[in-house]
Amino acid sequence: MSEQTDQHPVNGLDDVVHQRVRLGILTVAHQARRVEFGFLRRTLGLTAGNLSQHLATLEKAGLIDIEKGYEGRRARTWLTLTPAGTQALRDEVRQLKRLIHQIEQGGSDPREDL
């Protein structure tokens, strides 16, 4: 078997994407196409500071674009997925499906080898 097929599905999870909040951000952004900061903060139950930190991580990784502007007189921040963000989300979902499939197929339980 090749190294790629021998590798456990959990090894293919992306640390940037897989973190719960960041996976939530990417998922909501994918569904909404363009999402406003306040909506995202309320939807994910985060503080503004916490959300900002996660957005900075995703932006630095090239997975989202952030746009600042105004809606009426109120400053707003919107984010959209980049093509790389869309691909990273797809890759993460594919790896999660592989992991779920392995578990559902009754793959050996590593604890049995102890």
PDB file of N, CA and C in Angstrom:
ATOM      1  N   MET A   1       0.836  -1.194   0.000  1.00  0.00           N
ATOM      2  CA  MET A   1       0.000   0.000   0.000  1.00  0.00           C
ATOM      3  C   MET A   1       0.872   1.245   0.000  1.00  0.00           C
ATOM      4  N   SER A   2       0.366   2.282  -0.609  1.00  0.00           N
ATOM      5  CA  SER A   2       1.123   3.525  -0.605  1.00  0.00           C
ATOM      6  C   SER A   2       0.982   4.215   0.731  1.00  0.00           C
ATOM      7  N   GLU A   3       1.879   5.144   0.979  1.00  0.00           N
ATOM      8  CA  GLU A   3       1.823   5.905   2.229  1.00  0.00           C
ATOM      9  C   GLU A   3       0.498   6.653   2.339  1.00  0.00           C
ATOM     10  N   GLN A   4      -0.009   7.168   1.212  1.00  0.00           N
ATOM     11  CA  GLN A   4      -1.261   7.923   1.206  1.00  0.00           C
ATOM     12  C   GLN A   4      -2.429   7.042   1.657  1.00  0.00           C
ATOM     13  N   THR A   5      -2.532   5.803   1.180  1.00  0.00           N
ATOM     14  CA  THR A   5      -3.654   4.951   1.546  1.00  0.00           C
ATOM     15  C   THR A   5      -3.472   4.335   2.922  1.00  0.00           C
ATOM     16  N   ASP A   6      -2.250   4.224   3.409  1.00  0.00           N
ATOM     17  CA  ASP A   6      -1.995   3.700   4.751  1.00  0.00           C
ATOM     18  C   ASP A   6      -2.340   4.726   5.827  1.00  0.00           C
ATOM     19  N   GLN A   7      -2.309   5.981   5.486  1.00  0.00           N
ATOM     20  CA  GLN A   7      -2.463   7.049   6.464  1.00  0.00           C
ATOM     21  C   GLN A   7      -3.868   7.052   7.054  1.00  0.00           C
ATOM     22  N   HIS A   8      -3.941   7.193   8.362  1.00  0.00           N
ATOM     23  CA  HIS A   8      -5.227   7.277   9.051  1.00  0.00           C
ATOM     24  C   HIS A   8      -5.915   8.575   8.657  1.00  0.00           C
ATOM     25  N   PRO A   9      -7.241   8.554   8.440  1.00  0.00           N
ATOM     26  CA  PRO A   9      -7.950   9.767   8.008  1.00  0.00           C
ATOM     27  C   PRO A   9      -7.759  10.966   8.928  1.00  0.00           C
ATOM     28  N   VAL A  10      -7.551  10.740  10.197  1.00  0.00           N
ATOM     29  CA  VAL A  10      -7.385  11.861  11.123  1.00  0.00           C
ATOM     30  C   VAL A  10      -6.126  12.663  10.810  1.00  0.00           C
ATOM     31  N   ASN A  11      -5.135  12.020  10.182  1.00  0.00           N
ATOM     32  CA  ASN A  11      -3.902  12.719   9.827  1.00  0.00           C
ATOM     33  C   ASN A  11      -4.106  13.713   8.695  1.00  0.00           C
ATOM     34  N   GLY A  12      -5.209  13.599   7.965  1.00  0.00           N
ATOM     35  CA  GLY A  12      -5.482  14.512   6.868  1.00  0.00           C
ATOM     36  C   GLY A  12      -6.278  15.740   7.275  1.00  0.00           C
ATOM     37  N   LEU A  13      -6.679  15.822   8.542  1.00  0.00           N
ATOM     38  CA  LEU A  13      -7.436  16.987   9.000  1.00  0.00           C
ATOM     39  C   LEU A  13      -6.503  18.189   9.089  1.00  0.00           C
ATOM     40  N   ASP A  14      -7.000  19.332   8.670  1.00  0.00           N
ATOM     41  CA  ASP A  14      -6.220  20.573   8.637  1.00  0.00           C
ATOM     42  C   ASP A  14      -6.392  21.296   9.974  1.00  0.00           C
ATOM     43  N   ASP A  15      -5.300  21.553  10.675  1.00  0.00           N
ATOM     44  CA  ASP A  15      -5.371  22.198  11.996  1.00  0.00           C
ATOM     45  C   ASP A  15      -5.996  23.586  11.938  1.00  0.00           C
ATOM     46  N   VAL A  16      -5.787  24.318  10.858  1.00  0.00           N
ATOM     47  CA  VAL A  16      -6.371  25.657  10.734  1.00  0.00           C
ATOM     48  C   VAL A  16      -7.882  25.545  10.559  1.00  0.00           C
ATOM     49  N   VAL A  17      -8.320  24.638   9.706  1.00  0.00           N
ATOM     50  CA  VAL A  17      -9.733  24.499   9.376  1.00  0.00           C
ATOM     51  C   VAL A  17     -10.495  23.735  10.451  1.00  0.00           C
ATOM     52  N   HIS A  18      -9.899  22.717  11.001  1.00  0.00           N
ATOM     53  CA  HIS A  18     -10.634  21.784  11.857  1.00  0.00           C
ATOM     54  C   HIS A  18     -11.049  22.370  13.207  1.00  0.00           C
ATOM     55  N   GLN A  19     -10.388  23.370  13.678  1.00  0.00           N
ATOM     56  CA  GLN A  19     -10.763  23.968  14.953  1.00  0.00           C
ATOM     57  C   GLN A  19     -12.237  24.346  14.878  1.00  0.00           C
ATOM     58  N   ARG A  20     -13.026  24.027  15.909  1.00  0.00           N
ATOM     59  CA  ARG A  20     -14.481  24.128  15.893  1.00  0.00           C
ATOM     60  C   ARG A  20     -14.994  25.478  15.403  1.00  0.00           C
ATOM     61  N   VAL A  21     -14.494  26.566  15.943  1.00  0.00           N
ATOM     62  CA  VAL A  21     -14.986  27.890  15.562  1.00  0.00           C
ATOM     63  C   VAL A  21     -14.645  28.187  14.102  1.00  0.00           C
ATOM     64  N   ARG A  22     -13.414  27.888  13.699  1.00  0.00           N
ATOM     65  CA  ARG A  22     -13.019  28.186  12.326  1.00  0.00           C
ATOM     66  C   ARG A  22     -13.793  27.325  11.323  1.00  0.00           C
ATOM     67  N   LEU A  23     -14.052  26.077  11.668  1.00  0.00           N
ATOM     68  CA  LEU A  23     -14.878  25.233  10.810  1.00  0.00           C
ATOM     69  C   LEU A  23     -16.287  25.812  10.720  1.00  0.00           C
ATOM     70  N   GLY A  24     -16.797  26.330  11.819  1.00  0.00           N
ATOM     71  CA  GLY A  24     -18.106  26.987  11.819  1.00  0.00           C
ATOM     72  C   GLY A  24     -18.116  28.226  10.942  1.00  0.00           C
ATOM     73  N   ILE A  25     -17.070  29.027  11.032  1.00  0.00           N
ATOM     74  CA  ILE A  25     -16.973  30.243  10.212  1.00  0.00           C
ATOM     75  C   ILE A  25     -16.991  29.871   8.731  1.00  0.00           C
ATOM     76  N   LEU A  26     -16.165  28.908   8.352  1.00  0.00           N
ATOM     77  CA  LEU A  26     -16.091  28.508   6.949  1.00  0.00           C
ATOM     78  C   LEU A  26     -17.417  27.936   6.466  1.00  0.00           C
ATOM     79  N   THR A  27     -18.077  27.165   7.313  1.00  0.00           N
ATOM     80  CA  THR A  27     -19.350  26.561   6.940  1.00  0.00           C
ATOM     81  C   THR A  27     -20.433  27.615   6.736  1.00  0.00           C
ATOM     82  N   VAL A  28     -20.555  28.547   7.678  1.00  0.00           N
ATOM     83  CA  VAL A  28     -21.558  29.613   7.549  1.00  0.00           C
ATOM     84  C   VAL A  28     -21.242  30.483   6.335  1.00  0.00           C
ATOM     85  N   ALA A  29     -19.986  30.810   6.141  1.00  0.00           N
ATOM     86  CA  ALA A  29     -19.596  31.637   4.998  1.00  0.00           C
ATOM     87  C   ALA A  29     -19.890  30.917   3.685  1.00  0.00           C
ATOM     88  N   HIS A  30     -19.691  29.624   3.653  1.00  0.00           N
ATOM     89  CA  HIS A  30     -19.988  28.845   2.455  1.00  0.00           C
ATOM     90  C   HIS A  30     -21.484  28.867   2.156  1.00  0.00           C
ATOM     91  N   GLN A  31     -22.287  28.723   3.186  1.00  0.00           N
ATOM     92  CA  GLN A  31     -23.740  28.701   3.005  1.00  0.00           C
ATOM     93  C   GLN A  31     -24.285  30.075   2.628  1.00  0.00           C
ATOM     94  N   ALA A  32     -23.700  31.135   3.196  1.00  0.00           N
ATOM     95  CA  ALA A  32     -24.224  32.485   2.998  1.00  0.00           C
ATOM     96  C   ALA A  32     -23.582  33.206   1.816  1.00  0.00           C
ATOM     97  N   ARG A  33     -22.472  32.708   1.316  1.00  0.00           N
ATOM     98  CA  ARG A  33     -21.686  33.352   0.262  1.00  0.00           C
ATOM     99  C   ARG A  33     -20.993  34.624   0.738  1.00  0.00           C
ATOM    100  N   ARG A  34     -21.687  35.486   1.450  1.00  0.00           N
ATOM    101  CA  ARG A  34     -21.115  36.704   2.037  1.00  0.00           C
ATOM    102  C   ARG A  34     -21.803  36.882   3.381  1.00  0.00           C
ATOM    103  N   VAL A  35     -21.015  36.947   4.443  1.00  0.00           N
ATOM    104  CA  VAL A  35     -21.610  36.975   5.778  1.00  0.00           C
ATOM    105  C   VAL A  35     -21.097  38.178   6.554  1.00  0.00           C
ATOM    106  N   GLU A  36     -22.000  38.808   7.298  1.00  0.00           N
ATOM    107  CA  GLU A  36     -21.682  39.988   8.090  1.00  0.00           C
ATOM    108  C   GLU A  36     -21.163  39.560   9.463  1.00  0.00           C
ATOM    109  N   PHE A  37     -20.169  40.284   9.959  1.00  0.00           N
ATOM    110  CA  PHE A  37     -19.491  39.977  11.211  1.00  0.00           C
ATOM    111  C   PHE A  37     -20.479  39.760  12.366  1.00  0.00           C
ATOM    112  N   GLY A  38     -21.414  40.676  12.559  1.00  0.00           N
ATOM    113  CA  GLY A  38     -22.351  40.570  13.675  1.00  0.00           C
ATOM    114  C   GLY A  38     -23.218  39.330  13.582  1.00  0.00           C
ATOM    115  N   PHE A  39     -23.667  38.999  12.381  1.00  0.00           N
ATOM    116  CA  PHE A  39     -24.463  37.785  12.188  1.00  0.00           C
ATOM    117  C   PHE A  39     -23.637  36.566  12.564  1.00  0.00           C
ATOM    118  N   LEU A  40     -22.410  36.532  12.104  1.00  0.00           N
ATOM    119  CA  LEU A  40     -21.524  35.407  12.395  1.00  0.00           C
ATOM    120  C   LEU A  40     -21.248  35.301  13.894  1.00  0.00           C
ATOM    121  N   ARG A  41     -21.019  36.437  14.539  1.00  0.00           N
ATOM    122  CA  ARG A  41     -20.763  36.452  15.989  1.00  0.00           C
ATOM    123  C   ARG A  41     -21.953  35.873  16.750  1.00  0.00           C
ATOM    124  N   ARG A  42     -23.150  36.308  16.402  1.00  0.00           N
ATOM    125  CA  ARG A  42     -24.360  35.808  17.086  1.00  0.00           C
ATOM    126  C   ARG A  42     -24.611  34.335  16.766  1.00  0.00           C
ATOM    127  N   THR A  43     -24.456  33.960  15.522  1.00  0.00           N
ATOM    128  CA  THR A  43     -24.718  32.584  15.096  1.00  0.00           C
ATOM    129  C   THR A  43     -23.808  31.589  15.809  1.00  0.00           C
ATOM    130  N   LEU A  44     -22.541  31.958  15.974  1.00  0.00           N
ATOM    131  CA  LEU A  44     -21.571  31.049  16.590  1.00  0.00           C
ATOM    132  C   LEU A  44     -21.415  31.269  18.091  1.00  0.00           C
ATOM    133  N   GLY A  45     -22.106  32.283  18.633  1.00  0.00           N
ATOM    134  CA  GLY A  45     -22.058  32.536  20.076  1.00  0.00           C
ATOM    135  C   GLY A  45     -20.690  32.961  20.574  1.00  0.00           C
ATOM    136  N   LEU A  46     -20.059  33.886  19.854  1.00  0.00           N
ATOM    137  CA  LEU A  46     -18.704  34.313  20.189  1.00  0.00           C
ATOM    138  C   LEU A  46     -18.678  35.765  20.622  1.00  0.00           C
ATOM    139  N   THR A  47     -17.620  36.135  21.304  1.00  0.00           N
ATOM    140  CA  THR A  47     -17.373  37.551  21.563  1.00  0.00           C
ATOM    141  C   THR A  47     -16.747  38.138  20.301  1.00  0.00           C
ATOM    142  N   ALA A  48     -16.831  39.439  20.164  1.00  0.00           N
ATOM    143  CA  ALA A  48     -16.243  40.105  19.000  1.00  0.00           C
ATOM    144  C   ALA A  48     -14.738  39.865  18.936  1.00  0.00           C
ATOM    145  N   GLY A  49     -14.070  39.934  20.075  1.00  0.00           N
ATOM    146  CA  GLY A  49     -12.626  39.726  20.107  1.00  0.00           C
ATOM    147  C   GLY A  49     -12.228  38.319  19.703  1.00  0.00           C
ATOM    148  N   ASN A  50     -12.965  37.334  20.197  1.00  0.00           N
ATOM    149  CA  ASN A  50     -12.665  35.947  19.860  1.00  0.00           C
ATOM    150  C   ASN A  50     -12.880  35.698  18.376  1.00  0.00           C
ATOM    151  N   LEU A  51     -13.997  36.193  17.838  1.00  0.00           N
ATOM    152  CA  LEU A  51     -14.261  36.026  16.413  1.00  0.00           C
ATOM    153  C   LEU A  51     -13.177  36.714  15.587  1.00  0.00           C
ATOM    154  N   SER A  52     -12.778  37.902  15.977  1.00  0.00           N
ATOM    155  CA  SER A  52     -11.734  38.632  15.248  1.00  0.00           C
ATOM    156  C   SER A  52     -10.440  37.840  15.171  1.00  0.00           C
ATOM    157  N   GLN A  53     -10.070  37.186  16.260  1.00  0.00           N
ATOM    158  CA  GLN A  53      -8.836  36.390  16.261  1.00  0.00           C
ATOM    159  C   GLN A  53      -8.933  35.227  15.283  1.00  0.00           C
ATOM    160  N   HIS A  54     -10.055  34.551  15.272  1.00  0.00           N
ATOM    161  CA  HIS A  54     -10.232  33.430  14.347  1.00  0.00           C
ATOM    162  C   HIS A  54     -10.259  33.904  12.894  1.00  0.00           C
ATOM    163  N   LEU A  55     -10.903  35.044  12.656  1.00  0.00           N
ATOM    164  CA  LEU A  55     -10.930  35.595  11.299  1.00  0.00           C
ATOM    165  C   LEU A  55      -9.530  35.956  10.832  1.00  0.00           C
ATOM    166  N   ALA A  56      -8.721  36.494  11.731  1.00  0.00           N
ATOM    167  CA  ALA A  56      -7.341  36.842  11.377  1.00  0.00           C
ATOM    168  C   ALA A  56      -6.560  35.596  10.974  1.00  0.00           C
ATOM    169  N   THR A  57      -6.760  34.499  11.693  1.00  0.00           N
ATOM    170  CA  THR A  57      -6.083  33.241  11.356  1.00  0.00           C
ATOM    171  C   THR A  57      -6.502  32.751   9.977  1.00  0.00           C
ATOM    172  N   LEU A  58      -7.801  32.801   9.703  1.00  0.00           N
ATOM    173  CA  LEU A  58      -8.302  32.335   8.412  1.00  0.00           C
ATOM    174  C   LEU A  58      -7.864  33.256   7.275  1.00  0.00           C
ATOM    175  N   GLU A  59      -7.834  34.560   7.540  1.00  0.00           N
ATOM    176  CA  GLU A  59      -7.396  35.503   6.518  1.00  0.00           C
ATOM    177  C   GLU A  59      -5.911  35.315   6.216  1.00  0.00           C
ATOM    178  N   LYS A  60      -5.118  35.137   7.253  1.00  0.00           N
ATOM    179  CA  LYS A  60      -3.673  34.927   7.072  1.00  0.00           C
ATOM    180  C   LYS A  60      -3.400  33.661   6.252  1.00  0.00           C
ATOM    181  N   ALA A  61      -4.247  32.647   6.432  1.00  0.00           N
ATOM    182  CA  ALA A  61      -4.102  31.388   5.691  1.00  0.00           C
ATOM    183  C   ALA A  61      -4.655  31.500   4.268  1.00  0.00           C
ATOM    184  N   GLY A  62      -5.256  32.649   3.941  1.00  0.00           N
ATOM    185  CA  GLY A  62      -5.788  32.851   2.597  1.00  0.00           C
ATOM    186  C   GLY A  62      -7.127  32.185   2.352  1.00  0.00           C
ATOM    187  N   LEU A  63      -7.844  31.845   3.423  1.00  0.00           N
ATOM    188  CA  LEU A  63      -9.103  31.114   3.277  1.00  0.00           C
ATOM    189  C   LEU A  63     -10.330  32.020   3.212  1.00  0.00           C
ATOM    190  N   ILE A  64     -10.200  33.256   3.690  1.00  0.00           N
ATOM    191  CA  ILE A  64     -11.304  34.213   3.624  1.00  0.00           C
ATOM    192  C   ILE A  64     -10.783  35.569   3.182  1.00  0.00           C
ATOM    193  N   ASP A  65     -11.683  36.360   2.637  1.00  0.00           N
ATOM    194  CA  ASP A  65     -11.423  37.767   2.364  1.00  0.00           C
ATOM    195  C   ASP A  65     -12.316  38.576   3.284  1.00  0.00           C
ATOM    196  N   ILE A  66     -11.777  39.658   3.840  1.00  0.00           N
ATOM    197  CA  ILE A  66     -12.535  40.531   4.729  1.00  0.00           C
ATOM    198  C   ILE A  66     -12.712  41.875   4.039  1.00  0.00           C
ATOM    199  N   GLU A  67     -13.942  42.350   4.067  1.00  0.00           N
ATOM    200  CA  GLU A  67     -14.285  43.632   3.446  1.00  0.00           C
ATOM    201  C   GLU A  67     -14.925  44.527   4.492  1.00  0.00           C
ATOM    202  N   LYS A  68     -14.407  45.722   4.633  1.00  0.00           N
ATOM    203  CA  LYS A  68     -14.972  46.689   5.579  1.00  0.00           C
ATOM    204  C   LYS A  68     -15.663  47.789   4.790  1.00  0.00           C
ATOM    205  N   GLY A  69     -16.792  48.223   5.310  1.00  0.00           N
ATOM    206  CA  GLY A  69     -17.536  49.262   4.624  1.00  0.00           C
ATOM    207  C   GLY A  69     -18.632  49.792   5.529  1.00  0.00           C
ATOM    208  N   TYR A  70     -19.607  50.399   4.918  1.00  0.00           N
ATOM    209  CA  TYR A  70     -20.716  50.990   5.674  1.00  0.00           C
ATOM    210  C   TYR A  70     -22.037  50.500   5.117  1.00  0.00           C
ATOM    211  N   GLU A  71     -22.984  50.334   6.021  1.00  0.00           N
ATOM    212  CA  GLU A  71     -24.365  50.072   5.669  1.00  0.00           C
ATOM    213  C   GLU A  71     -25.141  51.206   6.328  1.00  0.00           C
ATOM    214  N   GLY A  72     -25.562  52.150   5.515  1.00  0.00           N
ATOM    215  CA  GLY A  72     -26.097  53.376   6.089  1.00  0.00           C
ATOM    216  C   GLY A  72     -24.956  54.108   6.767  1.00  0.00           C
ATOM    217  N   ARG A  73     -25.149  54.439   8.031  1.00  0.00           N
ATOM    218  CA  ARG A  73     -24.089  55.133   8.784  1.00  0.00           C
ATOM    219  C   ARG A  73     -23.265  54.188   9.655  1.00  0.00           C
ATOM    220  N   ARG A  74     -23.604  52.934   9.631  1.00  0.00           N
ATOM    221  CA  ARG A  74     -22.936  51.975  10.516  1.00  0.00           C
ATOM    222  C   ARG A  74     -21.805  51.249   9.802  1.00  0.00           C
ATOM    223  N   ALA A  75     -20.663  51.219  10.460  1.00  0.00           N
ATOM    224  CA  ALA A  75     -19.529  50.460   9.929  1.00  0.00           C
ATOM    225  C   ALA A  75     -19.869  48.973   9.982  1.00  0.00           C
ATOM    226  N   ARG A  76     -19.535  48.265   8.943  1.00  0.00           N
ATOM    227  CA  ARG A  76     -19.797  46.832   8.853  1.00  0.00           C
ATOM    228  C   ARG A  76     -18.561  46.114   8.340  1.00  0.00           C
ATOM    229  N   THR A  77     -18.466  44.842   8.699  1.00  0.00           N
ATOM    230  CA  THR A  77     -17.416  43.968   8.197  1.00  0.00           C
ATOM    231  C   THR A  77     -18.084  42.732   7.626  1.00  0.00           C
ATOM    232  N   TRP A  78     -17.706  42.381   6.384  1.00  0.00           N
ATOM    233  CA  TRP A  78     -18.240  41.192   5.737  1.00  0.00           C
ATOM    234  C   TRP A  78     -17.077  40.275   5.391  1.00  0.00           C
ATOM    235  N   LEU A  79     -17.378  39.014   5.314  1.00  0.00           N
ATOM    236  CA  LEU A  79     -16.346  38.096   4.864  1.00  0.00           C
ATOM    237  C   LEU A  79     -16.911  37.146   3.834  1.00  0.00           C
ATOM    238  N   THR A  80     -16.040  36.721   2.955  1.00  0.00           N
ATOM    239  CA  THR A  80     -16.368  35.734   1.934  1.00  0.00           C
ATOM    240  C   THR A  80     -15.250  34.706   1.887  1.00  0.00           C
ATOM    241  N   LEU A  81     -15.603  33.514   1.451  1.00  0.00           N
ATOM    242  CA  LEU A  81     -14.595  32.482   1.252  1.00  0.00           C
ATOM    243  C   LEU A  81     -13.807  32.776  -0.011  1.00  0.00           C
ATOM    244  N   THR A  82     -12.541  32.523   0.034  1.00  0.00           N
ATOM    245  CA  THR A  82     -11.721  32.561  -1.174  1.00  0.00           C
ATOM    246  C   THR A  82     -11.854  31.193  -1.847  1.00  0.00           C
ATOM    247  N   PRO A  83     -11.412  31.064  -3.079  1.00  0.00           N
ATOM    248  CA  PRO A  83     -11.396  29.729  -3.692  1.00  0.00           C
ATOM    249  C   PRO A  83     -10.596  28.723  -2.843  1.00  0.00           C
ATOM    250  N   ALA A  84      -9.511  29.174  -2.240  1.00  0.00           N
ATOM    251  CA  ALA A  84      -8.727  28.283  -1.368  1.00  0.00           C
ATOM    252  C   ALA A  84      -9.537  27.891  -0.136  1.00  0.00           C
ATOM    253  N   GLY A  85     -10.347  28.802   0.386  1.00  0.00           N
ATOM    254  CA  GLY A  85     -11.202  28.502   1.531  1.00  0.00           C
ATOM    255  C   GLY A  85     -12.259  27.480   1.192  1.00  0.00           C
ATOM    256  N   THR A  86     -12.850  27.628   0.020  1.00  0.00           N
ATOM    257  CA  THR A  86     -13.847  26.649  -0.442  1.00  0.00           C
ATOM    258  C   THR A  86     -13.206  25.280  -0.573  1.00  0.00           C
ATOM    259  N   GLN A  87     -12.013  25.232  -1.161  1.00  0.00           N
ATOM    260  CA  GLN A  87     -11.319  23.947  -1.327  1.00  0.00           C
ATOM    261  C   GLN A  87     -10.924  23.349   0.023  1.00  0.00           C
ATOM    262  N   ALA A  88     -10.456  24.185   0.940  1.00  0.00           N
ATOM    263  CA  ALA A  88     -10.067  23.687   2.265  1.00  0.00           C
ATOM    264  C   ALA A  88     -11.271  23.104   2.994  1.00  0.00           C
ATOM    265  N   LEU A  89     -12.421  23.738   2.882  1.00  0.00           N
ATOM    266  CA  LEU A  89     -13.633  23.217   3.505  1.00  0.00           C
ATOM    267  C   LEU A  89     -14.020  21.888   2.872  1.00  0.00           C
ATOM    268  N   ARG A  90     -13.973  21.811   1.548  1.00  0.00           N
ATOM    269  CA  ARG A  90     -14.282  20.537   0.865  1.00  0.00           C
ATOM    270  C   ARG A  90     -13.330  19.432   1.293  1.00  0.00           C
ATOM    271  N   ASP A  91     -12.034  19.754   1.368  1.00  0.00           N
ATOM    272  CA  ASP A  91     -11.045  18.756   1.776  1.00  0.00           C
ATOM    273  C   ASP A  91     -11.310  18.274   3.193  1.00  0.00           C
ATOM    274  N   GLU A  92     -11.654  19.198   4.075  1.00  0.00           N
ATOM    275  CA  GLU A  92     -11.918  18.837   5.472  1.00  0.00           C
ATOM    276  C   GLU A  92     -13.133  17.921   5.565  1.00  0.00           C
ATOM    277  N   VAL A  93     -14.188  18.252   4.849  1.00  0.00           N
ATOM    278  CA  VAL A  93     -15.397  17.426   4.850  1.00  0.00           C
ATOM    279  C   VAL A  93     -15.080  16.035   4.295  1.00  0.00           C
ATOM    280  N   ARG A  94     -14.278  15.976   3.238  1.00  0.00           N
ATOM    281  CA  ARG A  94     -13.898  14.683   2.670  1.00  0.00           C
ATOM    282  C   ARG A  94     -13.134  13.834   3.698  1.00  0.00           C
ATOM    283  N   GLN A  95     -12.207  14.458   4.415  1.00  0.00           N
ATOM    284  CA  GLN A  95     -11.454  13.716   5.430  1.00  0.00           C
ATOM    285  C   GLN A  95     -12.367  13.257   6.569  1.00  0.00           C
ATOM    286  N   LEU A  96     -13.292  14.119   6.973  1.00  0.00           N
ATOM    287  CA  LEU A  96     -14.239  13.736   8.033  1.00  0.00           C
ATOM    288  C   LEU A  96     -15.106  12.566   7.583  1.00  0.00           C
ATOM    289  N   LYS A  97     -15.526  12.574   6.329  1.00  0.00           N
ATOM    290  CA  LYS A  97     -16.316  11.453   5.798  1.00  0.00           C
ATOM    291  C   LYS A  97     -15.507  10.161   5.814  1.00  0.00           C
ATOM    292  N   ARG A  98     -14.213  10.246   5.447  1.00  0.00           N
ATOM    293  CA  ARG A  98     -13.348   9.058   5.498  1.00  0.00           C
ATOM    294  C   ARG A  98     -13.242   8.528   6.921  1.00  0.00           C
ATOM    295  N   LEU A  99     -13.091   9.453   7.873  1.00  0.00           N
ATOM    296  CA  LEU A  99     -12.979   9.055   9.275  1.00  0.00           C
ATOM    297  C   LEU A  99     -14.271   8.410   9.756  1.00  0.00           C
ATOM    298  N   ILE A 100     -15.397   9.017   9.439  1.00  0.00           N
ATOM    299  CA  ILE A 100     -16.699   8.466   9.834  1.00  0.00           C
ATOM    300  C   ILE A 100     -16.903   7.095   9.192  1.00  0.00           C
ATOM    301  N   HIS A 101     -16.574   6.980   7.926  1.00  0.00           N
ATOM    302  CA  HIS A 101     -16.717   5.696   7.226  1.00  0.00           C
ATOM    303  C   HIS A 101     -15.888   4.604   7.914  1.00  0.00           C
ATOM    304  N   GLN A 102     -14.668   4.949   8.276  1.00  0.00           N
ATOM    305  CA  GLN A 102     -13.801   3.973   8.939  1.00  0.00           C
ATOM    306  C   GLN A 102     -14.411   3.526  10.259  1.00  0.00           C
ATOM    307  N   ILE A 103     -14.957   4.461  11.011  1.00  0.00           N
ATOM    308  CA  ILE A 103     -15.571   4.126  12.300  1.00  0.00           C
ATOM    309  C   ILE A 103     -16.818   3.283  12.088  1.00  0.00           C
ATOM    310  N   GLU A 104     -17.665   3.669  11.147  1.00  0.00           N
ATOM    311  CA  GLU A 104     -18.912   2.949  10.905  1.00  0.00           C
ATOM    312  C   GLU A 104     -18.670   1.554  10.345  1.00  0.00           C
ATOM    313  N   GLN A 105     -17.569   1.373   9.631  1.00  0.00           N
ATOM    314  CA  GLN A 105     -17.247   0.056   9.075  1.00  0.00           C
ATOM    315  C   GLN A 105     -16.624  -0.871  10.111  1.00  0.00           C
ATOM    316  N   GLY A 106     -16.469  -0.358  11.328  1.00  0.00           N
ATOM    317  CA  GLY A 106     -15.952  -1.182  12.404  1.00  0.00           C
ATOM    318  C   GLY A 106     -14.488  -1.466  12.315  1.00  0.00           C
ATOM    319  N   GLY A 107     -13.731  -0.495  11.831  1.00  0.00           N
ATOM    320  CA  GLY A 107     -12.284  -0.650  11.786  1.00  0.00           C
ATOM    321  C   GLY A 107     -11.761  -1.026  13.164  1.00  0.00           C
ATOM    322  N   SER A 108     -10.610  -1.645  13.203  1.00  0.00           N
ATOM    323  CA  SER A 108     -10.097  -2.115  14.482  1.00  0.00           C
ATOM    324  C   SER A 108      -9.976  -0.974  15.466  1.00  0.00           C
ATOM    325  N   ASP A 109     -10.277  -1.264  16.685  1.00  0.00           N
ATOM    326  CA  ASP A 109     -10.195  -0.295  17.779  1.00  0.00           C
ATOM    327  C   ASP A 109      -8.772  -0.334  18.322  1.00  0.00           C
ATOM    328  N   PRO A 110      -8.024   0.769  18.204  1.00  0.00           N
ATOM    329  CA  PRO A 110      -6.634   0.751  18.664  1.00  0.00           C
ATOM    330  C   PRO A 110      -6.511   0.367  20.135  1.00  0.00           C
ATOM    331  N   ARG A 111      -7.545   0.558  20.924  1.00  0.00           N
ATOM    332  CA  ARG A 111      -7.475   0.202  22.347  1.00  0.00           C
ATOM    333  C   ARG A 111      -7.402  -1.305  22.544  1.00  0.00           C
ATOM    334  N   GLU A 112      -7.877  -2.092  21.544  1.00  0.00           N
ATOM    335  CA  GLU A 112      -7.829  -3.544  21.652  1.00  0.00           C
ATOM    336  C   GLU A 112      -6.402  -4.060  21.601  1.00  0.00           C
ATOM    337  N   ASP A 113      -5.495  -3.260  21.042  1.00  0.00           N
ATOM    338  CA  ASP A 113      -4.104  -3.674  20.908  1.00  0.00           C
ATOM    339  C   ASP A 113      -3.278  -3.399  22.152  1.00  0.00           C
ATOM    340  N   LEU A 114      -3.887  -2.745  23.151  1.00  0.00           N
ATOM    341  CA  LEU A 114      -3.117  -2.393  24.354  1.00  0.00           C
ATOM    342  C   LEU A 114      -2.893  -3.600  25.231  1.00  0.00           C
TER     343      LEU A 114
END
